[in-house]
C-alpha atoms as a PDB file:
ATOM      1  CA  MET A   1    -119.987 -31.031  11.042  1.00  0.00           C
ATOM      2  CA  PHE A   2    -119.141 -31.218  15.214  1.00  0.00           C
ATOM      3  CA  PRO A   3    -121.819 -32.659  17.562  1.00  0.00           C
ATOM      4  CA  LEU A   4    -123.419 -30.816  19.466  1.00  0.00           C
ATOM      5  CA  HIS A   5    -121.883 -31.309  22.732  1.00  0.00           C
ATOM      6  CA  GLN A   6    -118.630 -30.817  21.288  1.00  0.00           C
ATOM      7  CA  ALA A   7    -119.392 -27.657  20.235  1.00  0.00           C
ATOM      8  CA  VAL A   8    -120.563 -26.588  23.807  1.00  0.00           C
ATOM      9  CA  SER A   9    -117.657 -27.723  25.146  1.00  0.00           C
ATOM     10  CA  ARG A  10    -115.420 -26.062  22.509  1.00  0.00           C
ATOM     11  CA  ARG A  11    -117.091 -23.422  23.197  1.00  0.00           C
ATOM     12  CA  ALA A  12    -116.974 -23.868  27.044  1.00  0.00           C
ATOM     13  CA  VAL A  13    -113.654 -23.834  27.093  1.00  0.00           C
ATOM     14  CA  LEU A  14    -112.889 -21.071  24.995  1.00  0.00           C
ATOM     15  CA  LEU A  15    -115.022 -18.831  27.692  1.00  0.00           C
ATOM     16  CA  ALA A  16    -112.930 -20.736  30.763  1.00  0.00           C
ATOM     17  CA  VAL A  17    -109.564 -19.682  29.573  1.00  0.00           C
ATOM     18  CA  PRO A  18    -109.769 -15.905  29.062  1.00  0.00           C
ATOM     19  CA  ALA A  19    -111.640 -16.397  32.888  1.00  0.00           C
ATOM     20  CA  LEU A  20    -108.584 -18.580  34.174  1.00  0.00           C
ATOM     21  CA  ILE A  21    -105.585 -16.463  32.222  1.00  0.00           C
ATOM     22  CA  PRO A  22    -105.567 -13.511  35.256  1.00  0.00           C
ATOM     23  CA  ALA A  23    -105.419 -16.614  38.031  1.00  0.00           C
ATOM     24  CA  CYS A  24    -102.381 -18.416  36.197  1.00  0.00           C
ATOM     25  CA  ALA A  25    -100.505 -14.378  36.870  1.00  0.00           C
ATOM     26  CA  PRO A  26     -98.168 -13.812  39.235  1.00  0.00           C
ATOM     27  CA  ASP A  27     -99.700 -10.957  42.137  1.00  0.00           C
ATOM     28  CA  ALA A  28     -98.571  -7.780  41.987  1.00  0.00           C
ATOM     29  CA  PRO A  29     -95.188  -6.839  41.059  1.00  0.00           C
ATOM     30  CA  GLU A  30     -92.574  -6.980  44.095  1.00  0.00           C
ATOM     31  CA  SER A  31     -91.105  -3.234  44.248  1.00  0.00           C
ATOM     32  CA  PHE A  32     -87.547  -3.530  44.711  1.00  0.00           C
ATOM     33  CA  PRO A  33     -85.892  -1.222  47.467  1.00  0.00           C
ATOM     34  CA  PHE A  34     -83.858   1.084  46.392  1.00  0.00           C
ATOM     35  CA  ASP A  35     -80.814   2.349  47.746  1.00  0.00           C
ATOM     36  CA  ALA A  36     -79.795   6.086  47.744  1.00  0.00           C
ATOM     37  CA  VAL A  37     -76.342   6.367  47.702  1.00  0.00           C
ATOM     38  CA  ALA A  38     -75.878   9.890  48.114  1.00  0.00           C
ATOM     39  CA  ASP A  39     -76.722  11.133  51.566  1.00  0.00           C
ATOM     40  CA  GLY A  40     -79.363  13.871  51.716  1.00  0.00           C
ATOM     41  CA  ARG A  41     -76.445  16.952  51.636  1.00  0.00           C
ATOM     42  CA  GLN A  42     -74.348  15.078  48.766  1.00  0.00           C
ATOM     43  CA  LEU A  43     -77.138  15.085  46.888  1.00  0.00           C
ATOM     44  CA  MET A  44     -77.537  18.755  46.884  1.00  0.00           C
ATOM     45  CA  VAL A  45     -74.032  19.758  46.318  1.00  0.00           C
ATOM     46  CA  SER A  46     -73.423  17.411  44.044  1.00  0.00           C
ATOM     47  CA  VAL A  47     -77.024  17.138  41.617  1.00  0.00           C
ATOM     48  CA  ILE A  48     -79.849  19.704  42.396  1.00  0.00           C
ATOM     49  CA  GLU A  49     -77.169  22.968  43.610  1.00  0.00           C
ATOM     50  CA  PRO A  50     -75.150  22.252  40.505  1.00  0.00           C
ATOM     51  CA  ALA A  51     -78.408  22.083  38.329  1.00  0.00           C
ATOM     52  CA  ALA A  52     -80.150  25.015  39.743  1.00  0.00           C
ATOM     53  CA  GLU A  53     -77.037  26.362  39.037  1.00  0.00           C
ATOM     54  CA  VAL A  54     -76.836  26.506  35.426  1.00  0.00           C
ATOM     55  CA  TYR A  55     -80.823  27.530  35.034  1.00  0.00           C
ATOM     56  CA  TRP A  56     -80.711  30.146  36.993  1.00  0.00           C
ATOM     57  CA  ASP A  57     -77.704  31.421  35.163  1.00  0.00           C
ATOM     58  CA  ALA A  58     -78.674  31.062  31.307  1.00  0.00           C
ATOM     59  CA  VAL A  59     -80.637  34.241  31.958  1.00  0.00           C
ATOM     60  CA  GLY A  60     -80.419  37.701  33.149  1.00  0.00           C
ATOM     61  CA  VAL A  61     -79.020  41.296  32.904  1.00  0.00           C
ATOM     62  CA  ILE A  62     -76.272  42.209  34.365  1.00  0.00           C
ATOM     63  CA  MET A  63     -75.377  46.353  34.713  1.00  0.00           C
ATOM     64  CA  ASP A  64     -72.615  48.554  35.270  1.00  0.00           C
ATOM     65  CA  LEU A  65     -70.444  51.451  34.506  1.00  0.00           C
ATOM     66  CA  GLU A  66     -69.573  50.009  30.897  1.00  0.00           C
ATOM     67  CA  GLY A  67     -73.294  49.533  30.308  1.00  0.00           C
ATOM     68  CA  THR A  68     -76.498  47.009  30.212  1.00  0.00           C
ATOM     69  CA  TYR A  69     -76.057  42.915  29.443  1.00  0.00           C
ATOM     70  CA  GLU A  70     -78.289  40.628  29.094  1.00  0.00           C
ATOM     71  CA  ILE A  71     -77.385  36.881  28.992  1.00  0.00           C
ATOM     72  CA  GLU A  72     -78.854  34.169  27.444  1.00  0.00           C
ATOM     73  CA  PRO A  73     -78.494  31.380  26.153  1.00  0.00           C
ATOM     74  CA  GLN A  74     -77.433  31.556  21.482  1.00  0.00           C
ATOM     75  CA  SER A  75     -77.117  28.042  20.334  1.00  0.00           C
ATOM     76  CA  ASP A  76     -78.957  25.008  20.855  1.00  0.00           C
ATOM     77  CA  GLU A  77     -76.409  23.262  22.306  1.00  0.00           C
ATOM     78  CA  GLU A  78     -77.012  25.933  24.967  1.00  0.00           C
ATOM     79  CA  TRP A  79     -80.417  25.620  25.842  1.00  0.00           C
ATOM     80  CA  GLU A  80     -79.853  22.101  25.596  1.00  0.00           C
ATOM     81  CA  ALA A  81     -78.096  22.980  28.611  1.00  0.00           C
ATOM     82  CA  VAL A  82     -80.596  25.006  30.462  1.00  0.00           C
ATOM     83  CA  GLU A  83     -83.256  22.159  29.391  1.00  0.00           C
ATOM     84  CA  ASN A  84     -81.152  19.340  30.962  1.00  0.00           C
ATOM     85  CA  ALA A  85     -79.924  20.768  33.893  1.00  0.00           C
ATOM     86  CA  ALA A  86     -84.348  21.599  34.347  1.00  0.00           C
ATOM     87  CA  TRP A  87     -84.730  17.598  33.362  1.00  0.00           C
ATOM     88  CA  VAL A  88     -82.575  17.298  36.616  1.00  0.00           C
ATOM     89  CA  LEU A  89     -84.281  19.378  38.639  1.00  0.00           C
ATOM     90  CA  ALA A  90     -87.441  17.668  38.630  1.00  0.00           C
ATOM     91  CA  GLU A  91     -86.036  14.104  38.254  1.00  0.00           C
ATOM     92  CA  SER A  92     -84.300  15.522  41.178  1.00  0.00           C
ATOM     93  CA  GLY A  93     -87.194  16.023  43.562  1.00  0.00           C
ATOM     94  CA  ASN A  94     -88.459  12.248  42.305  1.00  0.00           C
ATOM     95  CA  LEU A  95     -84.709  11.407  44.201  1.00  0.00           C
ATOM     96  CA  LEU A  96     -86.167  12.979  47.577  1.00  0.00           C
ATOM     97  CA  LEU A  97     -88.829  11.205  47.862  1.00  0.00           C
ATOM     98  CA  LEU A  98     -86.838   8.301  48.360  1.00  0.00           C
ATOM     99  CA  GLU A  99     -88.316   6.664  51.731  1.00  0.00           C
ATOM    100  CA  ASP A 100     -84.752   7.010  53.217  1.00  0.00           C
ATOM    101  CA  ARG A 101     -84.830  10.811  52.787  1.00  0.00           C
ATOM    102  CA  ALA A 102     -88.809  11.420  52.848  1.00  0.00           C
ATOM    103  CA  GLN A 103     -88.729   9.680  56.255  1.00  0.00           C
ATOM    104  CA  GLY A 104     -92.416   9.565  55.987  1.00  0.00           C
ATOM    105  CA  ARG A 105     -92.323  13.204  56.476  1.00  0.00           C
ATOM    106  CA  GLU A 106     -95.579  15.481  54.925  1.00  0.00           C
ATOM    107  CA  HIS A 107     -93.819  18.511  54.588  1.00  0.00           C
ATOM    108  CA  TRP A 108     -90.470  17.637  53.318  1.00  0.00           C
ATOM    109  CA  ILE A 109     -92.189  14.688  50.240  1.00  0.00           C
ATOM    110  CA  ALA A 110     -94.687  18.604  49.342  1.00  0.00           C
ATOM    111  CA  MET A 111     -91.711  20.767  49.678  1.00  0.00           C
ATOM    112  CA  SER A 112     -90.096  17.286  46.942  1.00  0.00           C
ATOM    113  CA  ARG A 113     -93.126  17.293  44.677  1.00  0.00           C
ATOM    114  CA  ALA A 114     -93.523  21.076  44.496  1.00  0.00           C
ATOM    115  CA  MET A 115     -89.543  20.908  43.193  1.00  0.00           C
ATOM    116  CA  ILE A 116     -91.307  17.891  40.257  1.00  0.00           C
ATOM    117  CA  GLU A 117     -93.627  20.037  39.339  1.00  0.00           C
ATOM    118  CA  VAL A 118     -91.542  24.005  39.121  1.00  0.00           C
ATOM    119  CA  GLY A 119     -89.041  21.226  37.392  1.00  0.00           C
ATOM    120  CA  ARG A 120     -91.578  20.155  34.658  1.00  0.00           C
ATOM    121  CA  ARG A 121     -92.462  24.087  34.446  1.00  0.00           C
ATOM    122  CA  ALA A 122     -88.210  25.244  33.867  1.00  0.00           C
ATOM    123  CA  VAL A 123     -88.588  22.374  31.351  1.00  0.00           C
ATOM    124  CA  ASP A 124     -91.160  23.561  29.200  1.00  0.00           C
ATOM    125  CA  ALA A 125     -89.553  26.652  29.887  1.00  0.00           C
ATOM    126  CA  ALA A 126     -86.232  25.927  28.303  1.00  0.00           C
ATOM    127  CA  VAL A 127     -88.114  23.227  25.457  1.00  0.00           C
ATOM    128  CA  ALA A 128     -90.305  27.035  24.342  1.00  0.00           C
ATOM    129  CA  LYS A 129     -86.468  28.857  24.281  1.00  0.00           C
ATOM    130  CA  ASP A 130     -87.918  31.365  26.374  1.00  0.00           C
ATOM    131  CA  PRO A 131     -85.822  33.638  27.801  1.00  0.00           C
ATOM    132  CA  GLN A 132     -87.982  35.354  30.314  1.00  0.00           C
ATOM    133  CA  ALA A 133     -89.744  31.820  30.601  1.00  0.00           C
ATOM    134  CA  VAL A 134     -86.721  30.529  32.100  1.00  0.00           C
ATOM    135  CA  PHE A 135     -85.953  33.878  34.212  1.00  0.00           C
ATOM    136  CA  ASP A 136     -89.585  33.197  36.067  1.00  0.00           C
ATOM    137  CA  VAL A 137     -88.981  29.860  36.840  1.00  0.00           C
ATOM    138  CA  GLY A 138     -85.932  30.335  38.051  1.00  0.00           C
ATOM    139  CA  ALA A 139     -87.364  31.993  40.768  1.00  0.00           C
ATOM    140  CA  GLU A 140     -89.844  29.444  41.412  1.00  0.00           C
ATOM    141  CA  VAL A 141     -86.845  27.457  41.819  1.00  0.00           C
ATOM    142  CA  TYR A 142     -85.709  29.148  43.994  1.00  0.00           C
ATOM    143  CA  PHE A 143     -88.699  29.869  46.106  1.00  0.00           C
ATOM    144  CA  VAL A 144     -89.532  26.454  46.509  1.00  0.00           C
ATOM    145  CA  CYS A 145     -85.749  26.135  47.345  1.00  0.00           C
ATOM    146  CA  VAL A 146     -85.941  28.494  50.143  1.00  0.00           C
ATOM    147  CA  GLY A 147     -89.082  26.633  51.423  1.00  0.00           C
ATOM    148  CA  CYS A 148     -87.023  23.606  51.968  1.00  0.00           C
ATOM    149  CA  HIS A 149     -84.249  24.758  53.364  1.00  0.00           C
ATOM    150  CA  ALA A 150     -85.871  27.348  55.832  1.00  0.00           C
ATOM    151  CA  ALA A 151     -86.777  23.748  57.040  1.00  0.00           C
ATOM    152  CA  TYR A 152     -84.138  21.581  57.054  1.00  0.00           C
ATOM    153  CA  ALA A 153     -80.730  23.645  55.863  1.00  0.00           C
ATOM    154  CA  THR A 154     -81.234  26.807  58.090  1.00  0.00           C
ATOM    155  CA  GLU A 155     -77.290  27.479  57.853  1.00  0.00           C
ATOM    156  CA  THR A 156     -77.583  27.338  54.100  1.00  0.00           C
ATOM    157  CA  ILE A 157     -79.416  30.443  53.575  1.00  0.00           C
ATOM    158  CA  ARG A 158     -78.757  33.826  53.861  1.00  0.00           C
ATOM    159  CA  PRO A 159     -81.710  35.372  57.246  1.00  0.00           C
ATOM    160  CA  SER A 160     -83.114  38.104  54.553  1.00  0.00           C
ATOM    161  CA  ASP A 161     -84.058  34.788  52.108  1.00  0.00           C
ATOM    162  CA  MET A 162     -85.734  33.724  55.516  1.00  0.00           C
ATOM    163  CA  PRO A 163     -89.506  33.137  54.946  1.00  0.00           C
ATOM    164  CA  ASP A 164     -91.558  35.254  58.138  1.00  0.00           C
ATOM    165  CA  SER A 165     -93.171  32.564  59.047  1.00  0.00           C
ATOM    166  CA  VAL A 166     -90.158  30.379  59.994  1.00  0.00           C
ATOM    167  CA  ASP A 167     -87.984  31.543  62.996  1.00  0.00           C
ATOM    168  CA  ALA A 168     -84.653  30.599  62.281  1.00  0.00           C
ATOM    169  CA  ASP A 169     -83.903  29.312  65.517  1.00  0.00           C
ATOM    170  CA  SER A 170     -86.244  26.672  65.091  1.00  0.00           C
ATOM    171  CA  ALA A 171     -86.332  26.036  61.522  1.00  0.00           C
ATOM    172  CA  GLY A 172     -83.715  23.154  61.654  1.00  0.00           C
ATOM    173  CA  ALA A 173     -86.388  21.260  65.231  1.00  0.00           C
ATOM    174  CA  ALA A 174     -88.986  20.982  62.314  1.00  0.00           C
ATOM    175  CA  GLU A 175     -90.338  17.852  61.140  1.00  0.00           C
ATOM    176  CA  GLY A 176     -87.459  16.286  63.295  1.00  0.00           C
ATOM    177  CA  GLY A 177     -83.905  17.537  62.283  1.00  0.00           C
ATOM    178  CA  ARG A 178     -81.950  20.579  59.662  1.00  0.00           C
ATOM    179  CA  ARG A 179     -80.944  16.938  57.987  1.00  0.00           C
ATOM    180  CA  PRO A 180     -83.028  13.926  56.380  1.00  0.00           C
END
């Protein structure tokens, strides 16, 4: 057996080592700056708008002189395209939160987070393969888009789509300008 002083020393070392390990760990990981390639307009035109159009065009009803036609995905591949578009919308909210775009503007940040949340619901509706849910969430996506555009890109929306609380002439001046 071990002499008592060796057993105490080993026990002290075994108890001390776990307490010292955090001191050896490096400080919090360095944050890596993001390097946005697209400006806000290019992000809208190349990423967000195409995804929104896929989502919006996935379901609907067309009524004309020849009859009524319901549009909805018919295959797993078509549903996958709707789901992929929903993922793009959800993650685009995160892209809008990059510092170069958000610039600390509370309203911009709130609208970006709204895009993330509505994007999550869009994903859920697509995964459920529920045409009515996709249609309903598509309306929510539209309202988030219009709400943001009313403050930052008034030239892109029709006057009839302007929220009542926004004056079309002064909307671009809100939160520091029309564009990020």
